[in-house]
Amino acid sequence: MNHESSVERLIKLAGEPDQPPPDARERARAASEQAWRQMLARSAPPARRGRVYALVAALAAGVALVVWMTAWHAYDPAPPVVARVLTLEGSATAQRDGGSIALAMDAPLASGTALETADGRLAMTFGGTLSLRVDRGTRLSFDAADQVTLLAGAVYVDSGGINAHSPLRIRTPAGEVSHIGTQFQVRVEDEVTQIRVREGRVLIVSADARRQDLATGDALDVRGGEYRLQHGLPSFGADWAWAAALAPALEIENRPLSEFLAWLVREQGWRLHYATEDLQEQAGQIRLHGSLAGLDAAAMLERVSLVTGVKLAVRQGVLWVGA
């Protein structure tokens, strides 16, 4: 998909702007015409008033147009903010209304904005509780509070859990992707759209109304009208590492060890296993202090294990707590 088609798609998504009410336009036109008639009648000699009146209609039309444009802007509401940047690696830009800005931490993103990451990556809140993470080389547009269009690159979605209500639709060349409380990623590369589910369920509906349900461990590659479905894929590893690296740091101050471990395994796609029930109970009572900001998963486990005295080790996608 080339850049020109992406721009055309974003223009179409923008739609037509709202117009001011007809009565407001008529009042503006009438008021401007009356003002011009009075001013010119007072200033022109009697012999020239006939010609002056002939010019009034044309002049009033021009003034009415200016007033109408002013009224149009007054009725054009500011677009709603749909996302906000939480984590940023490298550079990314946002384009709207013909302008482009470099994104920064906590930057708001409004509906109708196009985003391009180039060599950067970022994570953001979307629609409140949902986490949306964007990989390098991605182009997408924010269509509404519950919809984005992915033109190229990859996005990762974490709705917050199976019971979380965070609707999001992702429009892709292969169709529209929606989910039920889940973690998943969508990648558009060359002519292939790939959807991979880490947790929960995902539905994809193509332009010709073909429907495909995906569950945990499923992956679907779509090229044109050809579908390639896989099952039983791991929820951890290199395919998911980029998204886990963008996770906003957990504030661990005075949090129980069990809460930190539950957060970490969810971000990494691991399973959690306690050596004994007693140790699991103790993990709920041990309180953490300090900060883990800037550390990767391995460094976090090493520091927490050193501070708490609890052995922590990862083997084949399982975080073992204890011996």
C-alpha atoms as a PDB file:
ATOM      1  CA  MET A   1       0.000   0.000   0.000  1.00  0.00           C
ATOM      2  CA  ASN A   2       1.586   3.287  -1.080  1.00  0.00           C
ATOM      3  CA  HIS A   3       1.634   6.612   0.764  1.00  0.00           C
ATOM      4  CA  GLU A   4      -0.798   8.268  -1.648  1.00  0.00           C
ATOM      5  CA  SER A   5      -3.520   5.684  -0.994  1.00  0.00           C
ATOM      6  CA  SER A   6      -2.993   6.059   2.755  1.00  0.00           C
ATOM      7  CA  VAL A   7      -3.538   9.813   2.544  1.00  0.00           C
ATOM      8  CA  GLU A   8      -6.627   9.330   0.423  1.00  0.00           C
ATOM      9  CA  ARG A   9      -8.019   6.913   2.973  1.00  0.00           C
ATOM     10  CA  LEU A  10      -7.438   9.334   5.842  1.00  0.00           C
ATOM     11  CA  ILE A  11      -9.202  12.109   3.888  1.00  0.00           C
ATOM     12  CA  LYS A  12     -12.205   9.867   3.321  1.00  0.00           C
ATOM     13  CA  LEU A  13     -12.296   8.920   7.000  1.00  0.00           C
ATOM     14  CA  ALA A  14     -12.439  12.584   7.976  1.00  0.00           C
ATOM     15  CA  GLY A  15     -15.913  12.955   6.393  1.00  0.00           C
ATOM     16  CA  GLU A  16     -17.812  16.176   5.793  1.00  0.00           C
ATOM     17  CA  PRO A  17     -17.669  18.977   8.411  1.00  0.00           C
ATOM     18  CA  ASP A  18     -20.811  20.135  10.236  1.00  0.00           C
ATOM     19  CA  GLN A  19     -22.539  23.202   8.747  1.00  0.00           C
ATOM     20  CA  PRO A  20     -24.003  26.118  10.727  1.00  0.00           C
ATOM     21  CA  PRO A  21     -27.821  26.273  10.867  1.00  0.00           C
ATOM     22  CA  PRO A  22     -29.540  27.903   7.812  1.00  0.00           C
ATOM     23  CA  ASP A  23     -31.217  30.584   9.938  1.00  0.00           C
ATOM     24  CA  ALA A  24     -27.810  31.677  11.302  1.00  0.00           C
ATOM     25  CA  ARG A  25     -26.410  32.061   7.780  1.00  0.00           C
ATOM     26  CA  GLU A  26     -29.457  34.084   6.642  1.00  0.00           C
ATOM     27  CA  ARG A  27     -29.296  36.438   9.655  1.00  0.00           C
ATOM     28  CA  ALA A  28     -25.593  37.051   9.023  1.00  0.00           C
ATOM     29  CA  ARG A  29     -26.197  37.820   5.343  1.00  0.00           C
ATOM     30  CA  ALA A  30     -29.120  40.177   6.015  1.00  0.00           C
ATOM     31  CA  ALA A  31     -27.277  42.086   8.735  1.00  0.00           C
ATOM     32  CA  SER A  32     -24.187  42.606   6.590  1.00  0.00           C
ATOM     33  CA  GLU A  33     -26.263  43.785   3.602  1.00  0.00           C
ATOM     34  CA  GLN A  34     -28.209  46.311   5.694  1.00  0.00           C
ATOM     35  CA  ALA A  35     -25.021  47.735   7.206  1.00  0.00           C
ATOM     36  CA  TRP A  36     -23.410  48.227   3.803  1.00  0.00           C
ATOM     37  CA  ARG A  37     -26.530  49.908   2.370  1.00  0.00           C
ATOM     38  CA  GLN A  38     -26.714  52.418   5.219  1.00  0.00           C
ATOM     39  CA  MET A  39     -23.019  53.275   5.082  1.00  0.00           C
ATOM     40  CA  LEU A  40     -22.845  53.755   1.337  1.00  0.00           C
ATOM     41  CA  ALA A  41     -26.140  55.721   1.156  1.00  0.00           C
ATOM     42  CA  ARG A  42     -24.841  58.234   3.698  1.00  0.00           C
ATOM     43  CA  SER A  43     -21.514  58.748   1.959  1.00  0.00           C
ATOM     44  CA  ALA A  44     -22.560  58.864  -1.743  1.00  0.00           C
ATOM     45  CA  PRO A  45     -23.969  61.985  -3.611  1.00  0.00           C
ATOM     46  CA  PRO A  46     -27.582  61.679  -4.859  1.00  0.00           C
ATOM     47  CA  ALA A  47     -26.501  61.354  -8.501  1.00  0.00           C
ATOM     48  CA  ARG A  48     -24.331  58.376  -7.704  1.00  0.00           C
ATOM     49  CA  ARG A  49     -26.674  56.539  -5.360  1.00  0.00           C
ATOM     50  CA  GLY A  50     -28.196  54.557  -8.198  1.00  0.00           C
ATOM     51  CA  ARG A  51     -24.839  53.112  -9.129  1.00  0.00           C
ATOM     52  CA  VAL A  52     -23.970  52.597  -5.474  1.00  0.00           C
ATOM     53  CA  TYR A  53     -27.087  50.534  -4.932  1.00  0.00           C
ATOM     54  CA  ALA A  54     -26.126  48.442  -7.933  1.00  0.00           C
ATOM     55  CA  LEU A  55     -22.842  47.599  -6.232  1.00  0.00           C
ATOM     56  CA  VAL A  56     -24.389  46.836  -2.869  1.00  0.00           C
ATOM     57  CA  ALA A  57     -25.686  43.405  -3.820  1.00  0.00           C
ATOM     58  CA  ALA A  58     -22.273  42.213  -5.020  1.00  0.00           C
ATOM     59  CA  LEU A  59     -20.461  43.692  -2.050  1.00  0.00           C
ATOM     60  CA  ALA A  60     -23.007  42.290   0.406  1.00  0.00           C
ATOM     61  CA  ALA A  61     -22.601  38.846  -1.101  1.00  0.00           C
ATOM     62  CA  GLY A  62     -18.852  38.972  -0.475  1.00  0.00           C
ATOM     63  CA  VAL A  63     -19.287  40.207   3.083  1.00  0.00           C
ATOM     64  CA  ALA A  64     -21.934  37.558   3.736  1.00  0.00           C
ATOM     65  CA  LEU A  65     -19.461  34.921   2.598  1.00  0.00           C
ATOM     66  CA  VAL A  66     -16.881  36.132   5.119  1.00  0.00           C
ATOM     67  CA  VAL A  67     -19.495  36.177   7.876  1.00  0.00           C
ATOM     68  CA  TRP A  68     -20.648  32.696   6.857  1.00  0.00           C
ATOM     69  CA  MET A  69     -17.092  31.359   7.059  1.00  0.00           C
ATOM     70  CA  THR A  70     -16.686  32.895  10.518  1.00  0.00           C
ATOM     71  CA  ALA A  71     -19.942  31.324  11.625  1.00  0.00           C
ATOM     72  CA  TRP A  72     -18.842  27.974  10.196  1.00  0.00           C
ATOM     73  CA  HIS A  73     -15.704  27.997  12.347  1.00  0.00           C
ATOM     74  CA  ALA A  74     -17.770  28.942  15.385  1.00  0.00           C
ATOM     75  CA  TYR A  75     -19.918  25.853  14.866  1.00  0.00           C
ATOM     76  CA  ASP A  76     -16.960  23.531  14.181  1.00  0.00           C
ATOM     77  CA  PRO A  77     -16.281  21.803  17.538  1.00  0.00           C
ATOM     78  CA  ALA A  78     -12.804  20.792  18.638  1.00  0.00           C
ATOM     79  CA  PRO A  79     -12.149  17.082  17.970  1.00  0.00           C
ATOM     80  CA  PRO A  80     -12.263  14.876  21.087  1.00  0.00           C
ATOM     81  CA  VAL A  81      -9.033  13.549  22.578  1.00  0.00           C
ATOM     82  CA  VAL A  82      -9.069   9.763  22.210  1.00  0.00           C
ATOM     83  CA  ALA A  83      -5.551   8.762  23.332  1.00  0.00           C
ATOM     84  CA  ARG A  84      -2.598   9.991  25.379  1.00  0.00           C
ATOM     85  CA  VAL A  85       1.081   9.008  25.167  1.00  0.00           C
ATOM     86  CA  LEU A  86       2.440   7.084  28.177  1.00  0.00           C
ATOM     87  CA  THR A  87       5.719   5.636  26.907  1.00  0.00           C
ATOM     88  CA  LEU A  88       7.873   6.833  24.024  1.00  0.00           C
ATOM     89  CA  GLU A  89      11.025   5.313  22.522  1.00  0.00           C
ATOM     90  CA  GLY A  90      12.653   7.189  19.663  1.00  0.00           C
ATOM     91  CA  SER A  91      10.586   9.610  17.595  1.00  0.00           C
ATOM     92  CA  ALA A  92       7.014   9.662  16.333  1.00  0.00           C
ATOM     93  CA  THR A  93       4.924  12.331  14.625  1.00  0.00           C
ATOM     94  CA  ALA A  94       1.244  13.241  14.524  1.00  0.00           C
ATOM     95  CA  GLN A  95      -0.400  14.949  11.535  1.00  0.00           C
ATOM     96  CA  ARG A  96      -3.663  16.873  11.544  1.00  0.00           C
ATOM     97  CA  ASP A  97      -5.110  19.707   9.435  1.00  0.00           C
ATOM     98  CA  GLY A  98      -2.025  19.782   7.236  1.00  0.00           C
ATOM     99  CA  GLY A  99       0.386  20.246  10.157  1.00  0.00           C
ATOM    100  CA  SER A 100       2.840  17.840  11.771  1.00  0.00           C
ATOM    101  CA  ILE A 101       4.244  17.762  15.322  1.00  0.00           C
ATOM    102  CA  ALA A 102       6.749  15.564  17.117  1.00  0.00           C
ATOM    103  CA  LEU A 103       5.125  13.607  19.928  1.00  0.00           C
ATOM    104  CA  ALA A 104       6.262  13.824  23.529  1.00  0.00           C
ATOM    105  CA  MET A 105       5.321  12.153  26.801  1.00  0.00           C
ATOM    106  CA  ASP A 106       1.710  12.786  27.859  1.00  0.00           C
ATOM    107  CA  ALA A 107       0.859  14.275  24.436  1.00  0.00           C
ATOM    108  CA  PRO A 108      -2.878  14.090  23.610  1.00  0.00           C
ATOM    109  CA  LEU A 109      -4.072  12.581  20.325  1.00  0.00           C
ATOM    110  CA  ALA A 110      -7.422  13.727  18.947  1.00  0.00           C
ATOM    111  CA  SER A 111      -9.873  12.017  16.654  1.00  0.00           C
ATOM    112  CA  GLY A 112      -8.872  12.601  13.031  1.00  0.00           C
ATOM    113  CA  THR A 113      -5.125  12.541  13.780  1.00  0.00           C
ATOM    114  CA  ALA A 114      -2.720  10.427  11.720  1.00  0.00           C
ATOM    115  CA  LEU A 115       0.244   8.847  13.527  1.00  0.00           C
ATOM    116  CA  GLU A 116       3.575   7.739  12.075  1.00  0.00           C
ATOM    117  CA  THR A 117       6.292   6.136  14.209  1.00  0.00           C
ATOM    118  CA  ALA A 118       9.140   5.666  11.678  1.00  0.00           C
ATOM    119  CA  ASP A 119      12.022   4.575  13.971  1.00  0.00           C
ATOM    120  CA  GLY A 120      10.084   5.096  17.205  1.00  0.00           C
ATOM    121  CA  ARG A 121       7.718   3.107  19.398  1.00  0.00           C
ATOM    122  CA  LEU A 122       5.106   4.253  21.865  1.00  0.00           C
ATOM    123  CA  ALA A 123       2.422   3.132  24.278  1.00  0.00           C
ATOM    124  CA  MET A 124      -0.718   5.097  25.037  1.00  0.00           C
ATOM    125  CA  THR A 125      -4.017   4.925  26.826  1.00  0.00           C
ATOM    126  CA  PHE A 126      -6.918   4.696  24.403  1.00  0.00           C
ATOM    127  CA  GLY A 127     -10.512   5.369  25.352  1.00  0.00           C
ATOM    128  CA  GLY A 128      -9.731   5.368  29.075  1.00  0.00           C
ATOM    129  CA  THR A 129      -8.492   1.964  30.302  1.00  0.00           C
ATOM    130  CA  LEU A 130      -7.289   0.269  27.117  1.00  0.00           C
ATOM    131  CA  SER A 131      -3.554   0.129  26.390  1.00  0.00           C
ATOM    132  CA  LEU A 132      -2.552   0.600  22.746  1.00  0.00           C
ATOM    133  CA  ARG A 133       1.091   0.078  21.792  1.00  0.00           C
ATOM    134  CA  VAL A 134       2.566   0.972  18.421  1.00  0.00           C
ATOM    135  CA  ASP A 135       5.634  -0.651  16.852  1.00  0.00           C
ATOM    136  CA  ARG A 136       8.258   0.935  14.610  1.00  0.00           C
ATOM    137  CA  GLY A 137       7.370   1.725  11.014  1.00  0.00           C
ATOM    138  CA  THR A 138       3.654   2.080  11.737  1.00  0.00           C
ATOM    139  CA  ARG A 139       1.087   4.385  10.132  1.00  0.00           C
ATOM    140  CA  LEU A 140      -2.406   4.619  11.553  1.00  0.00           C
ATOM    141  CA  SER A 141      -5.271   7.061  11.991  1.00  0.00           C
ATOM    142  CA  PHE A 142      -7.482   7.724  15.008  1.00  0.00           C
ATOM    143  CA  ASP A 143     -10.998   7.645  13.587  1.00  0.00           C
ATOM    144  CA  ALA A 144     -13.083   7.811  16.767  1.00  0.00           C
ATOM    145  CA  ALA A 145     -13.071   6.955  20.470  1.00  0.00           C
ATOM    146  CA  ASP A 146     -13.480   3.281  19.572  1.00  0.00           C
ATOM    147  CA  GLN A 147     -11.823   2.927  16.166  1.00  0.00           C
ATOM    148  CA  VAL A 148      -8.435   3.205  14.462  1.00  0.00           C
ATOM    149  CA  THR A 149      -7.315   2.402  10.929  1.00  0.00           C
ATOM    150  CA  LEU A 150      -4.010   0.540  10.617  1.00  0.00           C
ATOM    151  CA  LEU A 151      -2.335   1.293   7.283  1.00  0.00           C
ATOM    152  CA  ALA A 152       1.069  -0.286   7.929  1.00  0.00           C
ATOM    153  CA  GLY A 153       3.113  -1.633  10.833  1.00  0.00           C
ATOM    154  CA  ALA A 154       1.851  -3.202  14.048  1.00  0.00           C
ATOM    155  CA  VAL A 155      -0.267  -2.420  17.101  1.00  0.00           C
ATOM    156  CA  TYR A 156      -0.702  -4.344  20.349  1.00  0.00           C
ATOM    157  CA  VAL A 157      -3.911  -4.115  22.362  1.00  0.00           C
ATOM    158  CA  ASP A 158      -4.412  -4.856  26.058  1.00  0.00           C
ATOM    159  CA  SER A 159      -7.980  -4.230  27.144  1.00  0.00           C
ATOM    160  CA  GLY A 160      -7.160  -4.796  30.820  1.00  0.00           C
ATOM    161  CA  GLY A 161      -8.599  -8.289  31.196  1.00  0.00           C
ATOM    162  CA  ILE A 162     -11.449 -10.560  30.180  1.00  0.00           C
ATOM    163  CA  ASN A 163     -13.969  -8.602  32.277  1.00  0.00           C
ATOM    164  CA  ALA A 164     -12.832  -5.172  31.099  1.00  0.00           C
ATOM    165  CA  HIS A 165     -15.160  -3.222  28.814  1.00  0.00           C
ATOM    166  CA  SER A 166     -12.869  -1.403  26.382  1.00  0.00           C
ATOM    167  CA  PRO A 167     -14.336  -1.597  22.879  1.00  0.00           C
ATOM    168  CA  LEU A 168     -11.950  -1.031  20.008  1.00  0.00           C
ATOM    169  CA  ARG A 169     -12.262  -1.720  16.289  1.00  0.00           C
ATOM    170  CA  ILE A 170      -9.168  -1.836  14.101  1.00  0.00           C
ATOM    171  CA  ARG A 171      -9.749  -1.356  10.379  1.00  0.00           C
ATOM    172  CA  THR A 172      -7.200  -3.167   8.192  1.00  0.00           C
ATOM    173  CA  PRO A 173      -6.889  -4.113   4.504  1.00  0.00           C
ATOM    174  CA  ALA A 174      -8.208  -7.564   5.493  1.00  0.00           C
ATOM    175  CA  GLY A 175     -11.276  -6.247   7.323  1.00  0.00           C
ATOM    176  CA  GLU A 176     -12.331  -4.961  10.724  1.00  0.00           C
ATOM    177  CA  VAL A 177     -10.873  -6.503  13.894  1.00  0.00           C
ATOM    178  CA  SER A 178     -12.793  -6.359  17.190  1.00  0.00           C
ATOM    179  CA  HIS A 179     -12.248  -8.129  20.484  1.00  0.00           C
ATOM    180  CA  ILE A 180     -13.734  -9.377  23.727  1.00  0.00           C
ATOM    181  CA  GLY A 181     -11.500  -8.418  26.655  1.00  0.00           C
ATOM    182  CA  THR A 182      -8.130  -9.581  25.444  1.00  0.00           C
ATOM    183  CA  GLN A 183      -4.494  -9.111  24.510  1.00  0.00           C
ATOM    184  CA  PHE A 184      -3.674  -9.320  20.821  1.00  0.00           C
ATOM    185  CA  GLN A 185      -1.633  -7.727  18.076  1.00  0.00           C
ATOM    186  CA  VAL A 186      -2.360  -6.782  14.476  1.00  0.00           C
ATOM    187  CA  ARG A 187       0.347  -6.334  11.862  1.00  0.00           C
ATOM    188  CA  VAL A 188       0.027  -5.036   8.281  1.00  0.00           C
ATOM    189  CA  GLU A 189       3.098  -5.703   6.160  1.00  0.00           C
ATOM    190  CA  ASP A 190       3.294  -5.726   2.386  1.00  0.00           C
ATOM    191  CA  GLU A 191       0.037  -7.385   1.326  1.00  0.00           C
ATOM    192  CA  VAL A 192      -0.429  -9.495   4.464  1.00  0.00           C
ATOM    193  CA  THR A 193      -2.544  -8.695   7.526  1.00  0.00           C
ATOM    194  CA  GLN A 194      -1.736 -10.806  10.590  1.00  0.00           C
ATOM    195  CA  ILE A 195      -3.827 -11.074  13.764  1.00  0.00           C
ATOM    196  CA  ARG A 196      -2.395 -12.959  16.739  1.00  0.00           C
ATOM    197  CA  VAL A 197      -4.224 -13.553  20.033  1.00  0.00           C
ATOM    198  CA  ARG A 198      -2.422 -13.871  23.350  1.00  0.00           C
ATOM    199  CA  GLU A 199      -5.510 -13.939  25.569  1.00  0.00           C
ATOM    200  CA  GLY A 200      -9.285 -13.813  25.095  1.00  0.00           C
ATOM    201  CA  ARG A 201     -11.126 -13.763  21.767  1.00  0.00           C
ATOM    202  CA  VAL A 202     -10.950 -11.702  18.570  1.00  0.00           C
ATOM    203  CA  LEU A 203     -13.351 -11.412  15.635  1.00  0.00           C
ATOM    204  CA  ILE A 204     -12.367 -10.292  12.135  1.00  0.00           C
ATOM    205  CA  VAL A 205     -15.014  -9.384   9.545  1.00  0.00           C
ATOM    206  CA  SER A 206     -13.849  -8.874   5.952  1.00  0.00           C
ATOM    207  CA  ALA A 207     -15.289  -6.440   3.420  1.00  0.00           C
ATOM    208  CA  ASP A 208     -17.374  -9.273   1.917  1.00  0.00           C
ATOM    209  CA  ALA A 209     -18.805 -10.108   5.406  1.00  0.00           C
ATOM    210  CA  ARG A 210     -16.660 -13.200   5.937  1.00  0.00           C
ATOM    211  CA  ARG A 211     -16.263 -13.793   9.688  1.00  0.00           C
ATOM    212  CA  GLN A 212     -13.422 -15.517  11.529  1.00  0.00           C
ATOM    213  CA  ASP A 213     -13.245 -16.065  15.300  1.00  0.00           C
ATOM    214  CA  LEU A 214      -9.837 -16.358  16.949  1.00  0.00           C
ATOM    215  CA  ALA A 215      -9.040 -17.599  20.462  1.00  0.00           C
ATOM    216  CA  THR A 216      -5.992 -17.713  22.729  1.00  0.00           C
ATOM    217  CA  GLY A 217      -2.971 -19.043  20.846  1.00  0.00           C
ATOM    218  CA  ASP A 218      -4.506 -18.474  17.403  1.00  0.00           C
ATOM    219  CA  ALA A 219      -2.914 -16.569  14.537  1.00  0.00           C
ATOM    220  CA  LEU A 220      -4.487 -15.616  11.216  1.00  0.00           C
ATOM    221  CA  ASP A 221      -2.636 -14.418   8.108  1.00  0.00           C
ATOM    222  CA  VAL A 222      -4.785 -12.843   5.389  1.00  0.00           C
ATOM    223  CA  ARG A 223      -3.464 -12.158   1.891  1.00  0.00           C
ATOM    224  CA  GLY A 224      -6.215 -11.004  -0.438  1.00  0.00           C
ATOM    225  CA  GLY A 225      -8.968 -13.575  -0.026  1.00  0.00           C
ATOM    226  CA  GLU A 226      -6.627 -16.306   1.239  1.00  0.00           C
ATOM    227  CA  TYR A 227      -6.748 -17.209   4.971  1.00  0.00           C
ATOM    228  CA  ARG A 228      -4.014 -19.108   6.813  1.00  0.00           C
ATOM    229  CA  LEU A 229      -4.987 -20.111  10.376  1.00  0.00           C
ATOM    230  CA  GLN A 230      -2.691 -21.482  13.097  1.00  0.00           C
ATOM    231  CA  HIS A 231      -3.512 -22.771  16.594  1.00  0.00           C
ATOM    232  CA  GLY A 232      -1.609 -23.393  19.820  1.00  0.00           C
ATOM    233  CA  LEU A 233       1.082 -20.733  19.409  1.00  0.00           C
ATOM    234  CA  PRO A 234       2.965 -19.554  22.536  1.00  0.00           C
ATOM    235  CA  SER A 235       1.929 -16.375  24.316  1.00  0.00           C
ATOM    236  CA  PHE A 236       5.533 -15.330  24.969  1.00  0.00           C
ATOM    237  CA  GLY A 237       8.735 -14.944  23.009  1.00  0.00           C
ATOM    238  CA  ALA A 238      10.201 -12.709  20.333  1.00  0.00           C
ATOM    239  CA  ASP A 239       6.877 -11.974  18.603  1.00  0.00           C
ATOM    240  CA  TRP A 240       5.586 -10.311  21.774  1.00  0.00           C
ATOM    241  CA  ALA A 241       8.807  -8.842  23.176  1.00  0.00           C
ATOM    242  CA  TRP A 242       8.436  -5.407  21.517  1.00  0.00           C
ATOM    243  CA  ALA A 243       5.044  -4.838  23.165  1.00  0.00           C
ATOM    244  CA  ALA A 244       6.226  -5.957  26.593  1.00  0.00           C
ATOM    245  CA  ALA A 245       9.185  -3.565  26.357  1.00  0.00           C
ATOM    246  CA  LEU A 246       6.738  -0.646  25.979  1.00  0.00           C
ATOM    247  CA  ALA A 247       4.707  -1.451  29.087  1.00  0.00           C
ATOM    248  CA  PRO A 248       4.568   1.568  31.428  1.00  0.00           C
ATOM    249  CA  ALA A 249       6.570   0.840  34.577  1.00  0.00           C
ATOM    250  CA  LEU A 250       4.545  -0.455  37.527  1.00  0.00           C
ATOM    251  CA  GLU A 251       4.709   1.711  40.640  1.00  0.00           C
ATOM    252  CA  ILE A 252       5.745  -0.900  43.204  1.00  0.00           C
ATOM    253  CA  GLU A 253       5.993   1.307  46.297  1.00  0.00           C
ATOM    254  CA  ASN A 254       4.133  -0.497  49.119  1.00  0.00           C
ATOM    255  CA  ARG A 255       2.571  -2.994  46.692  1.00  0.00           C
ATOM    256  CA  PRO A 256       2.474  -6.689  47.660  1.00  0.00           C
ATOM    257  CA  LEU A 257       4.901  -9.016  45.906  1.00  0.00           C
ATOM    258  CA  SER A 258       1.992 -11.084  44.572  1.00  0.00           C
ATOM    259  CA  GLU A 259       0.583  -8.063  42.716  1.00  0.00           C
ATOM    260  CA  PHE A 260       3.908  -7.323  41.048  1.00  0.00           C
ATOM    261  CA  LEU A 261       4.299 -10.948  39.959  1.00  0.00           C
ATOM    262  CA  ALA A 262       0.762 -11.058  38.530  1.00  0.00           C
ATOM    263  CA  TRP A 263       1.428  -7.857  36.565  1.00  0.00           C
ATOM    264  CA  LEU A 264       4.748  -9.128  35.218  1.00  0.00           C
ATOM    265  CA  VAL A 265       3.447 -12.472  33.955  1.00  0.00           C
ATOM    266  CA  ARG A 266       0.543 -10.726  32.211  1.00  0.00           C
ATOM    267  CA  GLU A 267       2.891  -8.334  30.421  1.00  0.00           C
ATOM    268  CA  GLN A 268       5.270 -11.118  29.396  1.00  0.00           C
ATOM    269  CA  GLY A 269       2.664 -13.760  28.530  1.00  0.00           C
ATOM    270  CA  TRP A 270       4.048 -16.168  31.145  1.00  0.00           C
ATOM    271  CA  ARG A 271       2.249 -18.456  33.589  1.00  0.00           C
ATOM    272  CA  LEU A 272       2.779 -18.107  37.341  1.00  0.00           C
ATOM    273  CA  HIS A 273       3.595 -21.056  39.601  1.00  0.00           C
ATOM    274  CA  TYR A 274       4.202 -20.941  43.363  1.00  0.00           C
ATOM    275  CA  ALA A 275       6.261 -23.739  44.883  1.00  0.00           C
ATOM    276  CA  THR A 276       3.936 -24.000  47.900  1.00  0.00           C
ATOM    277  CA  GLU A 277       0.616 -22.587  49.089  1.00  0.00           C
ATOM    278  CA  ASP A 278       2.393 -21.048  52.085  1.00  0.00           C
ATOM    279  CA  LEU A 279       4.723 -19.147  49.784  1.00  0.00           C
ATOM    280  CA  GLN A 280       1.771 -17.893  47.770  1.00  0.00           C
ATOM    281  CA  GLU A 281       0.203 -16.565  50.956  1.00  0.00           C
ATOM    282  CA  GLN A 282       3.472 -14.936  52.017  1.00  0.00           C
ATOM    283  CA  ALA A 283       3.742 -13.194  48.621  1.00  0.00           C
ATOM    284  CA  GLY A 284       0.522 -11.365  49.423  1.00  0.00           C
ATOM    285  CA  GLN A 285       2.018 -10.038  52.662  1.00  0.00           C
ATOM    286  CA  ILE A 286       5.499  -9.021  51.464  1.00  0.00           C
ATOM    287  CA  ARG A 287       5.547  -5.310  50.539  1.00  0.00           C
ATOM    288  CA  LEU A 288       7.843  -3.850  47.908  1.00  0.00           C
ATOM    289  CA  HIS A 289       9.563  -0.448  48.000  1.00  0.00           C
ATOM    290  CA  GLY A 290      11.527   1.676  45.583  1.00  0.00           C
ATOM    291  CA  SER A 291      11.245   1.705  41.805  1.00  0.00           C
ATOM    292  CA  LEU A 292      11.809  -0.676  38.890  1.00  0.00           C
ATOM    293  CA  ALA A 293      11.645   1.985  36.173  1.00  0.00           C
ATOM    294  CA  GLY A 294      14.066   1.451  33.294  1.00  0.00           C
ATOM    295  CA  LEU A 295      14.628  -2.262  34.005  1.00  0.00           C
ATOM    296  CA  ASP A 296      13.759  -5.137  31.717  1.00  0.00           C
ATOM    297  CA  ALA A 297      11.961  -8.229  32.986  1.00  0.00           C
ATOM    298  CA  ALA A 298      15.113 -10.150  33.882  1.00  0.00           C
ATOM    299  CA  ALA A 299      16.543  -7.209  35.835  1.00  0.00           C
ATOM    300  CA  MET A 300      13.231  -6.698  37.663  1.00  0.00           C
ATOM    301  CA  LEU A 301      13.173 -10.323  38.806  1.00  0.00           C
ATOM    302  CA  GLU A 302      16.793 -10.185  39.900  1.00  0.00           C
ATOM    303  CA  ARG A 303      16.263  -7.056  42.009  1.00  0.00           C
ATOM    304  CA  VAL A 304      12.995  -8.191  43.584  1.00  0.00           C
ATOM    305  CA  SER A 305      14.456 -11.596  44.411  1.00  0.00           C
ATOM    306  CA  LEU A 306      17.496  -9.963  46.016  1.00  0.00           C
ATOM    307  CA  VAL A 307      15.381  -7.581  48.121  1.00  0.00           C
ATOM    308  CA  THR A 308      12.706 -10.063  49.233  1.00  0.00           C
ATOM    309  CA  GLY A 309      14.804 -13.212  49.502  1.00  0.00           C
ATOM    310  CA  VAL A 310      12.256 -15.100  47.363  1.00  0.00           C
ATOM    311  CA  LYS A 311      13.739 -17.171  44.543  1.00  0.00           C
ATOM    312  CA  LEU A 312      12.332 -16.230  41.127  1.00  0.00           C
ATOM    313  CA  ALA A 313      13.144 -17.993  37.863  1.00  0.00           C
ATOM    314  CA  VAL A 314      11.610 -18.231  34.373  1.00  0.00           C
ATOM    315  CA  ARG A 315      11.667 -21.522  32.464  1.00  0.00           C
ATOM    316  CA  GLN A 316       9.761 -22.208  29.259  1.00  0.00           C
ATOM    317  CA  GLY A 317       7.228 -19.460  29.778  1.00  0.00           C
ATOM    318  CA  VAL A 318       6.580 -20.197  33.468  1.00  0.00           C
ATOM    319  CA  LEU A 319       7.636 -17.896  36.310  1.00  0.00           C
ATOM    320  CA  TRP A 320       8.532 -20.146  39.233  1.00  0.00           C
ATOM    321  CA  VAL A 321       8.263 -18.623  42.701  1.00  0.00           C
ATOM    322  CA  GLY A 322      10.296 -20.485  45.291  1.00  0.00           C
ATOM    323  CA  ALA A 323      12.588 -23.478  45.002  1.00  0.00           C
END
